[in-house]
PDB file of N, CA and C in Angstrom:
ATOM      1  N   MET A   1       0.755  -1.255  -5.526  1.00  0.00           N
ATOM      2  CA  MET A   1       1.628  -1.320  -6.663  1.00  0.00           C
ATOM      3  C   MET A   1       3.002  -1.823  -6.148  1.00  0.00           C
ATOM      4  N   VAL A   2       3.517  -2.835  -6.787  1.00  0.00           N
ATOM      5  CA  VAL A   2       4.841  -3.347  -6.429  1.00  0.00           C
ATOM      6  C   VAL A   2       5.867  -2.548  -7.263  1.00  0.00           C
ATOM      7  N   TYR A   3       6.984  -2.213  -6.617  1.00  0.00           N
ATOM      8  CA  TYR A   3       8.042  -1.395  -7.239  1.00  0.00           C
ATOM      9  C   TYR A   3       9.365  -2.021  -6.937  1.00  0.00           C
ATOM     10  N   GLY A   4      10.263  -2.014  -7.883  1.00  0.00           N
ATOM     11  CA  GLY A   4      11.590  -2.526  -7.603  1.00  0.00           C
ATOM     12  C   GLY A   4      12.510  -2.478  -8.754  1.00  0.00           C
ATOM     13  N   ASP A   5      12.182  -1.676  -9.751  1.00  0.00           N
ATOM     14  CA  ASP A   5      13.014  -1.576 -10.992  1.00  0.00           C
ATOM     15  C   ASP A   5      14.401  -1.080 -10.607  1.00  0.00           C
ATOM     16  N   ARG A   6      15.446  -1.860 -10.949  1.00  0.00           N
ATOM     17  CA  ARG A   6      16.836  -1.568 -10.664  1.00  0.00           C
ATOM     18  C   ARG A   6      17.086  -1.327  -9.180  1.00  0.00           C
ATOM     19  N   ARG A   7      16.377  -2.027  -8.320  1.00  0.00           N
ATOM     20  CA  ARG A   7      16.506  -1.928  -6.876  1.00  0.00           C
ATOM     21  C   ARG A   7      16.836  -3.294  -6.298  1.00  0.00           C
ATOM     22  N   PRO A   8      17.369  -3.327  -5.080  1.00  0.00           N
ATOM     23  CA  PRO A   8      17.855  -4.579  -4.509  1.00  0.00           C
ATOM     24  C   PRO A   8      16.697  -5.585  -4.148  1.00  0.00           C
ATOM     25  N   TYR A   9      15.509  -5.028  -3.917  1.00  0.00           N
ATOM     26  CA  TYR A   9      14.385  -5.862  -3.560  1.00  0.00           C
ATOM     27  C   TYR A   9      13.068  -5.169  -3.855  1.00  0.00           C
ATOM     28  N   PRO A  10      11.997  -5.907  -4.019  1.00  0.00           N
ATOM     29  CA  PRO A  10      10.691  -5.276  -4.310  1.00  0.00           C
ATOM     30  C   PRO A  10      10.063  -4.682  -3.030  1.00  0.00           C
ATOM     31  N   VAL A  11       9.398  -3.563  -3.215  1.00  0.00           N
ATOM     32  CA  VAL A  11       8.623  -2.899  -2.167  1.00  0.00           C
ATOM     33  C   VAL A  11       7.212  -2.635  -2.762  1.00  0.00           C
ATOM     34  N   ALA A  12       6.309  -2.211  -1.913  1.00  0.00           N
ATOM     35  CA  ALA A  12       4.936  -1.939  -2.437  1.00  0.00           C
ATOM     36  C   ALA A  12       4.351  -0.741  -1.733  1.00  0.00           C
ATOM     37  N   VAL A  13       3.522  -0.040  -2.488  1.00  0.00           N
ATOM     38  CA  VAL A  13       2.599   0.965  -1.908  1.00  0.00           C
ATOM     39  C   VAL A  13       1.212   0.311  -2.048  1.00  0.00           C
ATOM     40  N   ILE A  14       0.516   0.295  -0.925  1.00  0.00           N
ATOM     41  CA  ILE A  14      -0.724  -0.451  -0.832  1.00  0.00           C
ATOM     42  C   ILE A  14      -1.875   0.555  -0.540  1.00  0.00           C
ATOM     43  N   THR A  15      -2.965   0.409  -1.243  1.00  0.00           N
ATOM     44  CA  THR A  15      -4.153   1.185  -0.952  1.00  0.00           C
ATOM     45  C   THR A  15      -5.185   0.203  -0.333  1.00  0.00           C
ATOM     46  N   VAL A  16      -6.063   0.752   0.470  1.00  0.00           N
ATOM     47  CA  VAL A  16      -7.098  -0.065   1.106  1.00  0.00           C
ATOM     48  C   VAL A  16      -8.497   0.520   0.778  1.00  0.00           C
ATOM     49  N   ASN A  17      -9.450  -0.354   0.791  1.00  0.00           N
ATOM     50  CA  ASN A  17     -10.803   0.041   0.553  1.00  0.00           C
ATOM     51  C   ASN A  17     -11.252   0.942   1.771  1.00  0.00           C
ATOM     52  N   PRO A  18     -11.692   2.169   1.491  1.00  0.00           N
ATOM     53  CA  PRO A  18     -11.996   3.066   2.606  1.00  0.00           C
ATOM     54  C   PRO A  18     -13.117   2.545   3.532  1.00  0.00           C
ATOM     55  N   GLU A  19     -14.129   1.940   2.918  1.00  0.00           N
ATOM     56  CA  GLU A  19     -15.242   1.396   3.731  1.00  0.00           C
ATOM     57  C   GLU A  19     -14.749   0.251   4.634  1.00  0.00           C
ATOM     58  N   GLU A  20     -13.944  -0.648   4.043  1.00  0.00           N
ATOM     59  CA  GLU A  20     -13.426  -1.800   4.848  1.00  0.00           C
ATOM     60  C   GLU A  20     -12.456  -1.274   5.939  1.00  0.00           C
ATOM     61  N   LEU A  21     -11.707  -0.236   5.616  1.00  0.00           N
ATOM     62  CA  LEU A  21     -10.769   0.333   6.591  1.00  0.00           C
ATOM     63  C   LEU A  21     -11.577   0.875   7.809  1.00  0.00           C
ATOM     64  N   GLN A  22     -12.610   1.625   7.545  1.00  0.00           N
ATOM     65  CA  GLN A  22     -13.459   2.185   8.618  1.00  0.00           C
ATOM     66  C   GLN A  22     -14.120   1.018   9.396  1.00  0.00           C
ATOM     67  N   LYS A  23     -14.619   0.025   8.685  1.00  0.00           N
ATOM     68  CA  LYS A  23     -15.271  -1.105   9.394  1.00  0.00           C
ATOM     69  C   LYS A  23     -14.281  -1.858  10.257  1.00  0.00           C
ATOM     70  N   PHE A  24     -13.102  -2.165   9.731  1.00  0.00           N
ATOM     71  CA  PHE A  24     -12.088  -2.882  10.508  1.00  0.00           C
ATOM     72  C   PHE A  24     -11.690  -2.043  11.746  1.00  0.00           C
ATOM     73  N   ALA A  25     -11.523  -0.721  11.543  1.00  0.00           N
ATOM     74  CA  ALA A  25     -11.204   0.112  12.678  1.00  0.00           C
ATOM     75  C   ALA A  25     -12.249   0.089  13.761  1.00  0.00           C
ATOM     76  N   ARG A  26     -13.501   0.198  13.371  1.00  0.00           N
ATOM     77  CA  ARG A  26     -14.602   0.119  14.346  1.00  0.00           C
ATOM     78  C   ARG A  26     -14.603  -1.205  15.086  1.00  0.00           C
ATOM     79  N   ASP A  27     -14.428  -2.293  14.308  1.00  0.00           N
ATOM     80  CA  ASP A  27     -14.431  -3.671  14.906  1.00  0.00           C
ATOM     81  C   ASP A  27     -13.267  -3.823  15.894  1.00  0.00           C
ATOM     82  N   GLN A  28     -12.176  -3.138  15.637  1.00  0.00           N
ATOM     83  CA  GLN A  28     -11.009  -3.224  16.500  1.00  0.00           C
ATOM     84  C   GLN A  28     -11.019  -2.196  17.666  1.00  0.00           C
ATOM     85  N   GLY A  29     -12.066  -1.383  17.657  1.00  0.00           N
ATOM     86  CA  GLY A  29     -12.182  -0.409  18.739  1.00  0.00           C
ATOM     87  C   GLY A  29     -11.288   0.831  18.524  1.00  0.00           C
ATOM     88  N   ILE A  30     -10.892   1.064  17.293  1.00  0.00           N
ATOM     89  CA  ILE A  30     -10.038   2.201  16.962  1.00  0.00           C
ATOM     90  C   ILE A  30     -10.963   3.394  16.730  1.00  0.00           C
ATOM     91  N   MET A  31     -10.818   4.473  17.480  1.00  0.00           N
ATOM     92  CA  MET A  31     -11.747   5.546  17.436  1.00  0.00           C
ATOM     93  C   MET A  31     -11.417   6.554  16.316  1.00  0.00           C
ATOM     94  N   ALA A  32     -10.224   6.557  15.793  1.00  0.00           N
ATOM     95  CA  ALA A  32      -9.894   7.498  14.731  1.00  0.00           C
ATOM     96  C   ALA A  32     -10.710   7.226  13.467  1.00  0.00           C
ATOM     97  N   THR A  33     -10.966   8.302  12.709  1.00  0.00           N
ATOM     98  CA  THR A  33     -11.686   8.129  11.465  1.00  0.00           C
ATOM     99  C   THR A  33     -10.922   8.648  10.259  1.00  0.00           C
ATOM    100  N   ASP A  34      -9.860   9.397  10.536  1.00  0.00           N
ATOM    101  CA  ASP A  34      -9.026  10.010   9.485  1.00  0.00           C
ATOM    102  C   ASP A  34      -8.188   8.883   8.825  1.00  0.00           C
ATOM    103  N   PRO A  35      -8.363   8.634   7.527  1.00  0.00           N
ATOM    104  CA  PRO A  35      -7.622   7.584   6.840  1.00  0.00           C
ATOM    105  C   PRO A  35      -6.073   7.683   7.037  1.00  0.00           C
ATOM    106  N   ALA A  36      -5.575   8.908   7.038  1.00  0.00           N
ATOM    107  CA  ALA A  36      -4.145   9.142   7.226  1.00  0.00           C
ATOM    108  C   ALA A  36      -3.642   8.657   8.573  1.00  0.00           C
ATOM    109  N   VAL A  37      -4.471   8.757   9.578  1.00  0.00           N
ATOM    110  CA  VAL A  37      -4.157   8.263  10.917  1.00  0.00           C
ATOM    111  C   VAL A  37      -4.365   6.749  10.966  1.00  0.00           C
ATOM    112  N   LEU A  38      -5.484   6.286  10.412  1.00  0.00           N
ATOM    113  CA  LEU A  38      -5.774   4.839  10.483  1.00  0.00           C
ATOM    114  C   LEU A  38      -4.719   3.973   9.837  1.00  0.00           C
ATOM    115  N   VAL A  39      -4.182   4.406   8.661  1.00  0.00           N
ATOM    116  CA  VAL A  39      -3.243   3.518   7.973  1.00  0.00           C
ATOM    117  C   VAL A  39      -1.915   3.381   8.713  1.00  0.00           C
ATOM    118  N   LYS A  40      -1.701   4.236   9.733  1.00  0.00           N
ATOM    119  CA  LYS A  40      -0.474   4.140  10.542  1.00  0.00           C
ATOM    120  C   LYS A  40      -0.720   3.422  11.878  1.00  0.00           C
ATOM    121  N   HIS A  41      -1.931   3.097  12.135  1.00  0.00           N
ATOM    122  CA  HIS A  41      -2.302   2.431  13.413  1.00  0.00           C
ATOM    123  C   HIS A  41      -1.653   1.020  13.411  1.00  0.00           C
ATOM    124  N   PRO A  42      -1.053   0.590  14.506  1.00  0.00           N
ATOM    125  CA  PRO A  42      -0.411  -0.721  14.547  1.00  0.00           C
ATOM    126  C   PRO A  42      -1.326  -1.916  14.162  1.00  0.00           C
ATOM    127  N   LYS A  43      -2.598  -1.855  14.567  1.00  0.00           N
ATOM    128  CA  LYS A  43      -3.513  -2.971  14.216  1.00  0.00           C
ATOM    129  C   LYS A  43      -3.741  -3.024  12.739  1.00  0.00           C
ATOM    130  N   ILE A  44      -3.876  -1.882  12.095  1.00  0.00           N
ATOM    131  CA  ILE A  44      -4.113  -1.836  10.625  1.00  0.00           C
ATOM    132  C   ILE A  44      -2.860  -2.303   9.935  1.00  0.00           C
ATOM    133  N   VAL A  45      -1.679  -1.822  10.341  1.00  0.00           N
ATOM    134  CA  VAL A  45      -0.425  -2.229   9.722  1.00  0.00           C
ATOM    135  C   VAL A  45      -0.193  -3.729   9.899  1.00  0.00           C
ATOM    136  N   GLU A  46      -0.491  -4.228  11.060  1.00  0.00           N
ATOM    137  CA  GLU A  46      -0.356  -5.680  11.315  1.00  0.00           C
ATOM    138  C   GLU A  46      -1.246  -6.481  10.393  1.00  0.00           C
ATOM    139  N   ARG A  47      -2.494  -6.071  10.205  1.00  0.00           N
ATOM    140  CA  ARG A  47      -3.469  -6.765   9.343  1.00  0.00           C
ATOM    141  C   ARG A  47      -2.950  -6.777   7.912  1.00  0.00           C
ATOM    142  N   VAL A  48      -2.472  -5.655   7.395  1.00  0.00           N
ATOM    143  CA  VAL A  48      -1.957  -5.614   6.040  1.00  0.00           C
ATOM    144  C   VAL A  48      -0.711  -6.467   5.942  1.00  0.00           C
ATOM    145  N   GLU A  49       0.131  -6.427   6.983  1.00  0.00           N
ATOM    146  CA  GLU A  49       1.376  -7.205   6.981  1.00  0.00           C
ATOM    147  C   GLU A  49       1.080  -8.709   6.877  1.00  0.00           C
ATOM    148  N   ARG A  50       0.066  -9.169   7.557  1.00  0.00           N
ATOM    149  CA  ARG A  50      -0.356 -10.595   7.462  1.00  0.00           C
ATOM    150  C   ARG A  50      -0.766 -10.931   6.058  1.00  0.00           C
ATOM    151  N   ILE A  51      -1.489 -10.021   5.412  1.00  0.00           N
ATOM    152  CA  ILE A  51      -1.922 -10.283   4.065  1.00  0.00           C
ATOM    153  C   ILE A  51      -0.722 -10.353   3.104  1.00  0.00           C
ATOM    154  N   VAL A  52       0.229  -9.391   3.267  1.00  0.00           N
ATOM    155  CA  VAL A  52       1.435  -9.404   2.442  1.00  0.00           C
ATOM    156  C   VAL A  52       2.202 -10.661   2.669  1.00  0.00           C
ATOM    157  N   GLU A  53       2.346 -11.107   3.896  1.00  0.00           N
ATOM    158  CA  GLU A  53       3.102 -12.328   4.236  1.00  0.00           C
ATOM    159  C   GLU A  53       2.438 -13.532   3.585  1.00  0.00           C
ATOM    160  N   THR A  54       1.105 -13.573   3.594  1.00  0.00           N
ATOM    161  CA  THR A  54       0.388 -14.696   2.927  1.00  0.00           C
ATOM    162  C   THR A  54       0.664 -14.731   1.437  1.00  0.00           C
ATOM    163  N   LYS A  55       0.628 -13.556   0.832  1.00  0.00           N
ATOM    164  CA  LYS A  55       0.891 -13.470  -0.641  1.00  0.00           C
ATOM    165  C   LYS A  55       2.337 -13.793  -0.934  1.00  0.00           C
ATOM    166  N   ASN A  56       3.246 -13.357  -0.053  1.00  0.00           N
ATOM    167  CA  ASN A  56       4.680 -13.648  -0.256  1.00  0.00           C
ATOM    168  C   ASN A  56       5.010 -15.124  -0.256  1.00  0.00           C
ATOM    169  N   ARG A  57       4.200 -15.926   0.439  1.00  0.00           N
ATOM    170  CA  ARG A  57       4.457 -17.370   0.491  1.00  0.00           C
ATOM    171  C   ARG A  57       4.328 -18.037  -0.900  1.00  0.00           C
ATOM    172  N   GLU A  58       3.575 -17.383  -1.780  1.00  0.00           N
ATOM    173  CA  GLU A  58       3.353 -17.927  -3.125  1.00  0.00           C
ATOM    174  C   GLU A  58       4.459 -17.491  -4.102  1.00  0.00           C
ATOM    175  N   LEU A  59       5.385 -16.623  -3.645  1.00  0.00           N
ATOM    176  CA  LEU A  59       6.385 -16.062  -4.547  1.00  0.00           C
ATOM    177  C   LEU A  59       7.783 -16.622  -4.279  1.00  0.00           C
ATOM    178  N   GLN A  60       8.624 -16.546  -5.324  1.00  0.00           N
ATOM    179  CA  GLN A  60      10.019 -16.897  -5.178  1.00  0.00           C
ATOM    180  C   GLN A  60      10.668 -15.775  -4.291  1.00  0.00           C
ATOM    181  N   SER A  61      11.790 -16.117  -3.674  1.00  0.00           N
ATOM    182  CA  SER A  61      12.412 -15.174  -2.728  1.00  0.00           C
ATOM    183  C   SER A  61      12.736 -13.819  -3.363  1.00  0.00           C
ATOM    184  N   TYR A  62      13.207 -13.796  -4.643  1.00  0.00           N
ATOM    185  CA  TYR A  62      13.535 -12.562  -5.269  1.00  0.00           C
ATOM    186  C   TYR A  62      12.355 -11.684  -5.528  1.00  0.00           C
ATOM    187  N   ALA A  63      11.124 -12.258  -5.552  1.00  0.00           N
ATOM    188  CA  ALA A  63       9.931 -11.475  -5.872  1.00  0.00           C
ATOM    189  C   ALA A  63       9.140 -11.069  -4.623  1.00  0.00           C
ATOM    190  N   LYS A  64       9.555 -11.512  -3.467  1.00  0.00           N
ATOM    191  CA  LYS A  64       8.812 -11.224  -2.229  1.00  0.00           C
ATOM    192  C   LYS A  64       8.939  -9.759  -1.861  1.00  0.00           C
ATOM    193  N   ILE A  65       7.832  -9.176  -1.419  1.00  0.00           N
ATOM    194  CA  ILE A  65       7.824  -7.812  -0.984  1.00  0.00           C
ATOM    195  C   ILE A  65       8.478  -7.726   0.407  1.00  0.00           C
ATOM    196  N   LYS A  66       9.532  -6.931   0.429  1.00  0.00           N
ATOM    197  CA  LYS A  66      10.309  -6.872   1.687  1.00  0.00           C
ATOM    198  C   LYS A  66       9.756  -5.769   2.633  1.00  0.00           C
ATOM    199  N   LYS A  67       9.311  -4.652   2.059  1.00  0.00           N
ATOM    200  CA  LYS A  67       8.751  -3.547   2.830  1.00  0.00           C
ATOM    201  C   LYS A  67       7.533  -2.963   2.091  1.00  0.00           C
ATOM    202  N   PHE A  68       6.662  -2.345   2.810  1.00  0.00           N
ATOM    203  CA  PHE A  68       5.507  -1.701   2.172  1.00  0.00           C
ATOM    204  C   PHE A  68       5.070  -0.435   2.931  1.00  0.00           C
ATOM    205  N   ALA A  69       4.303   0.365   2.266  1.00  0.00           N
ATOM    206  CA  ALA A  69       3.703   1.518   2.864  1.00  0.00           C
ATOM    207  C   ALA A  69       2.226   1.505   2.490  1.00  0.00           C
ATOM    208  N   ILE A  70       1.370   1.861   3.466  1.00  0.00           N
ATOM    209  CA  ILE A  70      -0.060   1.910   3.220  1.00  0.00           C
ATOM    210  C   ILE A  70      -0.430   3.358   2.956  1.00  0.00           C
ATOM    211  N   LEU A  71      -1.073   3.593   1.803  1.00  0.00           N
ATOM    212  CA  LEU A  71      -1.444   4.966   1.458  1.00  0.00           C
ATOM    213  C   LEU A  71      -2.855   5.267   2.030  1.00  0.00           C
ATOM    214  N   PRO A  72      -3.100   6.499   2.442  1.00  0.00           N
ATOM    215  CA  PRO A  72      -4.377   6.828   3.042  1.00  0.00           C
ATOM    216  C   PRO A  72      -5.522   6.933   2.027  1.00  0.00           C
ATOM    217  N   GLY A  73      -5.212   7.046   0.726  1.00  0.00           N
ATOM    218  CA  GLY A  73      -6.273   7.147  -0.254  1.00  0.00           C
ATOM    219  C   GLY A  73      -6.039   6.121  -1.377  1.00  0.00           C
ATOM    220  N   ASP A  74      -7.050   5.888  -2.130  1.00  0.00           N
ATOM    221  CA  ASP A  74      -6.937   4.943  -3.236  1.00  0.00           C
ATOM    222  C   ASP A  74      -6.438   5.625  -4.466  1.00  0.00           C
ATOM    223  N   PHE A  75      -5.903   4.850  -5.417  1.00  0.00           N
ATOM    224  CA  PHE A  75      -5.547   5.363  -6.724  1.00  0.00           C
ATOM    225  C   PHE A  75      -6.845   5.733  -7.469  1.00  0.00           C
ATOM    226  N   THR A  76      -6.824   6.857  -8.149  1.00  0.00           N
ATOM    227  CA  THR A  76      -8.029   7.285  -8.901  1.00  0.00           C
ATOM    228  C   THR A  76      -7.670   7.815 -10.271  1.00  0.00           C
ATOM    229  N   GLN A  77      -8.680   7.857 -11.152  1.00  0.00           N
ATOM    230  CA  GLN A  77      -8.497   8.509 -12.443  1.00  0.00           C
ATOM    231  C   GLN A  77      -8.300  10.000 -12.239  1.00  0.00           C
ATOM    232  N   GLU A  78      -9.025  10.609 -11.357  1.00  0.00           N
ATOM    233  CA  GLU A  78      -8.959  12.013 -11.120  1.00  0.00           C
ATOM    234  C   GLU A  78      -7.571  12.395 -10.610  1.00  0.00           C
ATOM    235  N   GLY A  79      -6.962  11.524  -9.768  1.00  0.00           N
ATOM    236  CA  GLY A  79      -5.639  11.794  -9.278  1.00  0.00           C
ATOM    237  C   GLY A  79      -4.538  11.475 -10.271  1.00  0.00           C
ATOM    238  N   GLY A  80      -4.932  10.881 -11.411  1.00  0.00           N
ATOM    239  CA  GLY A  80      -3.979  10.581 -12.467  1.00  0.00           C
ATOM    240  C   GLY A  80      -3.260   9.249 -12.331  1.00  0.00           C
ATOM    241  N   GLU A  81      -3.584   8.479 -11.286  1.00  0.00           N
ATOM    242  CA  GLU A  81      -2.872   7.214 -11.082  1.00  0.00           C
ATOM    243  C   GLU A  81      -3.515   6.070 -11.872  1.00  0.00           C
ATOM    244  N   LEU A  82      -4.722   6.203 -12.376  1.00  0.00           N
ATOM    245  CA  LEU A  82      -5.407   5.135 -13.097  1.00  0.00           C
ATOM    246  C   LEU A  82      -5.784   5.589 -14.510  1.00  0.00           C
ATOM    247  N   THR A  83      -5.722   4.638 -15.408  1.00  0.00           N
ATOM    248  CA  THR A  83      -6.231   4.883 -16.817  1.00  0.00           C
ATOM    249  C   THR A  83      -7.723   4.777 -16.809  1.00  0.00           C
ATOM    250  N   PRO A  84      -8.409   5.160 -17.889  1.00  0.00           N
ATOM    251  CA  PRO A  84      -9.879   5.001 -17.978  1.00  0.00           C
ATOM    252  C   PRO A  84     -10.304   3.559 -17.813  1.00  0.00           C
ATOM    253  N   THR A  85      -9.438   2.601 -18.084  1.00  0.00           N
ATOM    254  CA  THR A  85      -9.803   1.176 -17.883  1.00  0.00           C
ATOM    255  C   THR A  85      -9.356   0.699 -16.515  1.00  0.00           C
ATOM    256  N   LEU A  86      -8.970   1.605 -15.643  1.00  0.00           N
ATOM    257  CA  LEU A  86      -8.575   1.345 -14.230  1.00  0.00           C
ATOM    258  C   LEU A  86      -7.326   0.559 -14.059  1.00  0.00           C
ATOM    259  N   LYS A  87      -6.443   0.713 -15.012  1.00  0.00           N
ATOM    260  CA  LYS A  87      -5.072   0.147 -14.866  1.00  0.00           C
ATOM    261  C   LYS A  87      -4.212   1.162 -14.163  1.00  0.00           C
ATOM    262  N   VAL A  88      -3.270   0.709 -13.372  1.00  0.00           N
ATOM    263  CA  VAL A  88      -2.355   1.596 -12.607  1.00  0.00           C
ATOM    264  C   VAL A  88      -1.343   2.177 -13.590  1.00  0.00           C
ATOM    265  N   LYS A  89      -1.177   3.516 -13.573  1.00  0.00           N
ATOM    266  CA  LYS A  89      -0.151   4.174 -14.319  1.00  0.00           C
ATOM    267  C   LYS A  89       1.094   4.178 -13.467  1.00  0.00           C
ATOM    268  N   ARG A  90       1.934   3.109 -13.698  1.00  0.00           N
ATOM    269  CA  ARG A  90       3.081   2.909 -12.812  1.00  0.00           C
ATOM    270  C   ARG A  90       4.043   4.090 -12.688  1.00  0.00           C
ATOM    271  N   LYS A  91       4.310   4.729 -13.866  1.00  0.00           N
ATOM    272  CA  LYS A  91       5.223   5.846 -13.834  1.00  0.00           C
ATOM    273  C   LYS A  91       4.673   7.027 -13.040  1.00  0.00           C
ATOM    274  N   VAL A  92       3.377   7.278 -13.164  1.00  0.00           N
ATOM    275  CA  VAL A  92       2.748   8.347 -12.403  1.00  0.00           C
ATOM    276  C   VAL A  92       2.770   8.080 -10.905  1.00  0.00           C
ATOM    277  N   VAL A  93       2.450   6.864 -10.542  1.00  0.00           N
ATOM    278  CA  VAL A  93       2.471   6.484  -9.136  1.00  0.00           C
ATOM    279  C   VAL A  93       3.909   6.509  -8.565  1.00  0.00           C
ATOM    280  N   ALA A  94       4.855   6.001  -9.326  1.00  0.00           N
ATOM    281  CA  ALA A  94       6.280   6.037  -8.928  1.00  0.00           C
ATOM    282  C   ALA A  94       6.734   7.462  -8.701  1.00  0.00           C
ATOM    283  N   GLU A  95       6.347   8.411  -9.551  1.00  0.00           N
ATOM    284  CA  GLU A  95       6.711   9.783  -9.418  1.00  0.00           C
ATOM    285  C   GLU A  95       5.963  10.461  -8.251  1.00  0.00           C
ATOM    286  N   LYS A  96       4.652  10.238  -8.192  1.00  0.00           N
ATOM    287  CA  LYS A  96       3.844  10.884  -7.192  1.00  0.00           C
ATOM    288  C   LYS A  96       4.237  10.423  -5.759  1.00  0.00           C
ATOM    289  N   TYR A  97       4.582   9.199  -5.640  1.00  0.00           N
ATOM    290  CA  TYR A  97       4.920   8.630  -4.297  1.00  0.00           C
ATOM    291  C   TYR A  97       6.411   8.302  -4.231  1.00  0.00           C
ATOM    292  N   ARG A  98       7.216   9.073  -4.909  1.00  0.00           N
ATOM    293  CA  ARG A  98       8.693   8.850  -4.955  1.00  0.00           C
ATOM    294  C   ARG A  98       9.267   8.857  -3.518  1.00  0.00           C
ATOM    295  N   ASP A  99       8.877   9.871  -2.701  1.00  0.00           N
ATOM    296  CA  ASP A  99       9.415   9.932  -1.337  1.00  0.00           C
ATOM    297  C   ASP A  99       9.030   8.688  -0.529  1.00  0.00           C
ATOM    298  N   VAL A 100       7.820   8.275  -0.674  1.00  0.00           N
ATOM    299  CA  VAL A 100       7.357   7.059   0.063  1.00  0.00           C
ATOM    300  C   VAL A 100       8.190   5.855  -0.368  1.00  0.00           C
ATOM    301  N   LEU A 101       8.332   5.681  -1.700  1.00  0.00           N
ATOM    302  CA  LEU A 101       9.098   4.530  -2.224  1.00  0.00           C
ATOM    303  C   LEU A 101      10.555   4.612  -1.828  1.00  0.00           C
ATOM    304  N   GLU A 102      11.146   5.767  -1.849  1.00  0.00           N
ATOM    305  CA  GLU A 102      12.562   5.923  -1.424  1.00  0.00           C
ATOM    306  C   GLU A 102      12.744   5.608   0.031  1.00  0.00           C
ATOM    307  N   SER A 103      11.727   5.974   0.867  1.00  0.00           N
ATOM    308  CA  SER A 103      11.853   5.683   2.302  1.00  0.00           C
ATOM    309  C   SER A 103      11.846   4.192   2.594  1.00  0.00           C
ATOM    310  N   LEU A 104      11.264   3.418   1.692  1.00  0.00           N
ATOM    311  CA  LEU A 104      11.254   1.982   1.903  1.00  0.00           C
ATOM    312  C   LEU A 104      12.576   1.308   1.637  1.00  0.00           C
ATOM    313  N   TYR A 105      13.505   2.023   1.086  1.00  0.00           N
ATOM    314  CA  TYR A 105      14.870   1.550   0.809  1.00  0.00           C
ATOM    315  C   TYR A 105      15.880   2.039   1.807  1.00  0.00           C
ATOM    316  N   ARG A 106      15.449   2.715   2.821  1.00  0.00           N
ATOM    317  CA  ARG A 106      16.379   3.230   3.871  1.00  0.00           C
ATOM    318  C   ARG A 106      16.376   2.317   5.035  1.00  0.00           C
TER     319      ARG A 106
END
C-alpha cells in the first residue's frame, strides 16, 4: 500500500507472497524460514528494491516511492486489512502499521 497523504513524499508498506518468499530464500541459500527474519534479509530487501525501482521508472517524480518497508505477513480479511472483495482498507492499514509508516519518514 502506498501512503503519503499530507506528507513530503510517498512511501509504501509491501507484502510478499509467502510461498514465493520461501522459494526465493531457498534459491538464494538463505536458511531462515521465519518470514519476519526473511523480509529483513539483505537479498530479499534488494530484490524488492529492484522491483520498486522498476515501477518507479513509470511514475512522475512526485509519485515515486522514496522508502518502503516489507511486512512479514500479507493483508487479510481476518486481520481487518481487506474488505470481502479483497480491497485494501487504507485507514485500517495506516493505523495498524502507523509506527512502520512513521519510521519511513525519519
